[in-house]
């Protein structure tokens, strides 16, 4: 059984895609910042590792945002 394509109420295009990647990068950077604060205040090494992981994802989203704009 096939389904008809769903109509999303989302703007599509390069500009919208760039905004989405930028928003994701900002959110991941925010989460990384919170994890850094928690890692320092609680001296938890694993939260520092999670913060580094989130920061790496934020950088990757930022790079993808630049590619989407080209």
N, C-alpha and C. Protein backbone atom coordinates (compact mmCIF):
# COMPACT_ATOMS: atom_id res chain seq x y z
N UNK A 1 0.85 -1.16 0.00
CA UNK A 1 0.00 0.00 0.00
C UNK A 1 0.90 1.24 0.00
N UNK A 2 0.63 2.13 -0.89
CA UNK A 2 1.42 3.36 -0.96
C UNK A 2 0.61 4.51 -0.38
N UNK A 3 1.34 5.43 0.20
CA UNK A 3 0.71 6.59 0.81
C UNK A 3 1.02 7.82 -0.03
N UNK A 4 0.08 8.74 -0.10
CA UNK A 4 0.37 9.97 -0.83
C UNK A 4 1.41 10.79 -0.07
N UNK A 5 2.16 11.61 -0.77
CA UNK A 5 3.16 12.42 -0.07
C UNK A 5 2.49 13.38 0.91
N UNK A 6 3.10 13.50 2.06
CA UNK A 6 2.53 14.40 3.07
C UNK A 6 2.96 15.84 2.75
N UNK A 7 2.06 16.74 3.03
CA UNK A 7 2.39 18.15 2.83
C UNK A 7 2.82 18.73 4.16
N UNK A 8 4.06 19.12 4.23
CA UNK A 8 4.59 19.71 5.45
C UNK A 8 4.44 21.21 5.41
N UNK A 9 4.21 21.78 6.56
CA UNK A 9 4.10 23.23 6.65
C UNK A 9 5.47 23.83 6.94
N UNK A 10 6.45 23.41 6.18
CA UNK A 10 7.82 23.84 6.37
C UNK A 10 8.31 24.46 5.07
N UNK A 11 8.97 25.57 5.20
CA UNK A 11 9.54 26.22 4.03
C UNK A 11 10.74 25.40 3.57
N UNK A 12 10.81 25.15 2.29
CA UNK A 12 11.92 24.37 1.75
C UNK A 12 12.79 25.25 0.88
N UNK A 13 14.03 24.88 0.80
CA UNK A 13 14.96 25.64 -0.01
C UNK A 13 16.30 25.73 0.69
N UNK A 14 17.26 26.29 -0.02
CA UNK A 14 18.62 26.38 0.52
C UNK A 14 18.69 27.28 1.74
N UNK A 15 17.97 28.38 1.69
CA UNK A 15 18.00 29.32 2.81
C UNK A 15 17.40 28.69 4.07
N UNK A 16 16.31 27.98 3.91
CA UNK A 16 15.66 27.32 5.04
C UNK A 16 16.55 26.20 5.60
N UNK A 17 17.21 25.48 4.70
CA UNK A 17 18.10 24.42 5.15
C UNK A 17 19.28 24.99 5.92
N UNK A 18 19.80 26.11 5.45
CA UNK A 18 20.92 26.75 6.15
C UNK A 18 20.49 27.21 7.54
N UNK A 19 19.30 27.78 7.63
CA UNK A 19 18.78 28.21 8.94
C UNK A 19 18.63 27.02 9.88
N UNK A 20 18.14 25.91 9.36
CA UNK A 20 17.96 24.72 10.19
C UNK A 20 19.29 24.22 10.73
N UNK A 21 20.31 24.11 9.88
CA UNK A 21 21.63 23.65 10.33
C UNK A 21 22.23 24.63 11.33
N UNK A 22 22.02 25.92 11.12
CA UNK A 22 22.53 26.92 12.06
C UNK A 22 21.83 26.80 13.41
N UNK A 23 20.54 26.58 13.39
CA UNK A 23 19.78 26.40 14.63
C UNK A 23 20.26 25.15 15.37
N UNK A 24 20.46 24.07 14.64
CA UNK A 24 20.95 22.85 15.28
C UNK A 24 22.34 23.05 15.87
N UNK A 25 23.19 23.76 15.16
CA UNK A 25 24.54 24.04 15.68
C UNK A 25 24.45 24.85 16.97
N UNK A 26 23.58 25.84 16.99
CA UNK A 26 23.42 26.66 18.20
C UNK A 26 22.90 25.85 19.37
N UNK A 27 21.94 24.97 19.11
CA UNK A 27 21.39 24.14 20.19
C UNK A 27 22.44 23.17 20.73
N UNK A 28 23.20 22.54 19.84
CA UNK A 28 24.24 21.62 20.31
C UNK A 28 25.33 22.38 21.07
N UNK A 29 25.65 23.58 20.65
CA UNK A 29 26.65 24.39 21.37
C UNK A 29 26.13 24.77 22.75
N UNK A 30 24.85 25.08 22.84
CA UNK A 30 24.25 25.40 24.13
C UNK A 30 24.30 24.21 25.08
N UNK A 31 23.95 23.04 24.58
CA UNK A 31 24.00 21.83 25.40
C UNK A 31 25.43 21.53 25.82
N UNK A 32 26.38 21.73 24.91
CA UNK A 32 27.79 21.51 25.25
C UNK A 32 28.23 22.48 26.35
N UNK A 33 27.81 23.72 26.27
CA UNK A 33 28.15 24.70 27.29
C UNK A 33 27.60 24.33 28.66
N UNK A 34 26.37 23.87 28.70
CA UNK A 34 25.77 23.43 29.96
C UNK A 34 26.54 22.24 30.52
N UNK A 35 26.92 21.31 29.66
CA UNK A 35 27.67 20.14 30.12
C UNK A 35 29.06 20.53 30.62
N UNK A 36 29.68 21.53 30.02
CA UNK A 36 30.97 22.00 30.51
C UNK A 36 30.82 22.57 31.91
N UNK A 37 29.79 23.38 32.11
CA UNK A 37 29.55 23.96 33.43
C UNK A 37 29.32 22.86 34.46
N UNK A 38 28.53 21.86 34.11
CA UNK A 38 28.28 20.75 35.03
C UNK A 38 29.55 19.94 35.28
N UNK A 39 30.34 19.73 34.26
CA UNK A 39 31.57 18.95 34.41
C UNK A 39 32.54 19.66 35.35
N UNK A 40 32.63 20.98 35.24
CA UNK A 40 33.54 21.73 36.10
C UNK A 40 33.03 21.77 37.54
N UNK A 41 31.74 22.01 37.69
CA UNK A 41 31.19 22.15 39.05
C UNK A 41 31.13 20.82 39.79
N UNK A 42 30.91 19.73 39.09
CA UNK A 42 30.79 18.43 39.73
C UNK A 42 32.04 17.57 39.58
N UNK A 43 33.04 18.07 38.89
CA UNK A 43 34.29 17.34 38.63
C UNK A 43 34.00 15.95 38.05
N UNK A 44 33.12 15.92 37.07
CA UNK A 44 32.75 14.66 36.43
C UNK A 44 33.40 14.60 35.04
N UNK A 45 34.31 13.67 34.88
CA UNK A 45 35.04 13.57 33.61
C UNK A 45 34.12 13.18 32.47
N UNK A 46 33.11 12.36 32.77
CA UNK A 46 32.24 11.87 31.70
C UNK A 46 31.38 13.00 31.13
N UNK A 47 31.03 13.99 31.96
CA UNK A 47 30.27 15.12 31.43
C UNK A 47 31.15 15.99 30.54
N UNK A 48 32.43 16.03 30.84
CA UNK A 48 33.36 16.73 29.95
C UNK A 48 33.46 16.03 28.62
N UNK A 49 33.45 14.70 28.64
CA UNK A 49 33.49 13.93 27.39
C UNK A 49 32.21 14.14 26.58
N UNK A 50 31.09 14.18 27.26
CA UNK A 50 29.81 14.44 26.58
C UNK A 50 29.81 15.85 25.99
N UNK A 51 30.36 16.80 26.73
CA UNK A 51 30.44 18.17 26.23
C UNK A 51 31.30 18.24 24.98
N UNK A 52 32.42 17.52 24.98
CA UNK A 52 33.28 17.50 23.79
C UNK A 52 32.56 16.88 22.60
N UNK A 53 31.79 15.84 22.85
CA UNK A 53 31.02 15.19 21.78
C UNK A 53 29.98 16.16 21.20
N UNK A 54 29.25 16.84 22.07
CA UNK A 54 28.25 17.80 21.61
C UNK A 54 28.90 18.96 20.87
N UNK A 55 30.07 19.37 21.32
CA UNK A 55 30.77 20.45 20.63
C UNK A 55 31.20 20.01 19.23
N UNK A 56 31.64 18.76 19.11
CA UNK A 56 32.02 18.24 17.79
C UNK A 56 30.81 18.20 16.85
N UNK A 57 29.67 17.82 17.38
CA UNK A 57 28.45 17.79 16.57
C UNK A 57 28.04 19.21 16.17
N UNK A 58 28.21 20.17 17.09
CA UNK A 58 27.88 21.56 16.77
C UNK A 58 28.77 22.08 15.65
N UNK A 59 30.05 21.73 15.69
CA UNK A 59 30.97 22.15 14.62
C UNK A 59 30.57 21.52 13.29
N UNK A 60 30.19 20.24 13.33
CA UNK A 60 29.77 19.57 12.10
C UNK A 60 28.50 20.21 11.54
N UNK A 61 27.57 20.57 12.39
CA UNK A 61 26.36 21.24 11.93
C UNK A 61 26.68 22.62 11.35
N UNK A 62 27.63 23.31 11.95
CA UNK A 62 28.05 24.60 11.41
C UNK A 62 28.67 24.47 10.04
N UNK A 63 29.49 23.44 9.84
CA UNK A 63 30.08 23.21 8.53
C UNK A 63 29.03 22.87 7.50
N UNK A 64 28.05 22.06 7.91
CA UNK A 64 26.98 21.70 6.99
C UNK A 64 26.15 22.93 6.64
N UNK A 65 25.99 23.84 7.59
CA UNK A 65 25.26 25.07 7.32
C UNK A 65 25.98 25.90 6.25
N UNK A 66 27.30 25.95 6.31
CA UNK A 66 28.06 26.69 5.31
C UNK A 66 27.94 26.03 3.94
N UNK A 67 27.93 24.70 3.92
CA UNK A 67 27.79 23.99 2.65
C UNK A 67 26.40 24.19 2.04
N UNK A 68 25.39 24.25 2.90
CA UNK A 68 24.02 24.42 2.41
C UNK A 68 23.84 25.79 1.78
N UNK A 69 24.62 26.76 2.22
CA UNK A 69 24.49 28.11 1.66
C UNK A 69 25.14 28.26 0.31
N UNK A 70 26.04 27.37 -0.06
CA UNK A 70 26.76 27.47 -1.34
C UNK A 70 25.98 26.90 -2.47
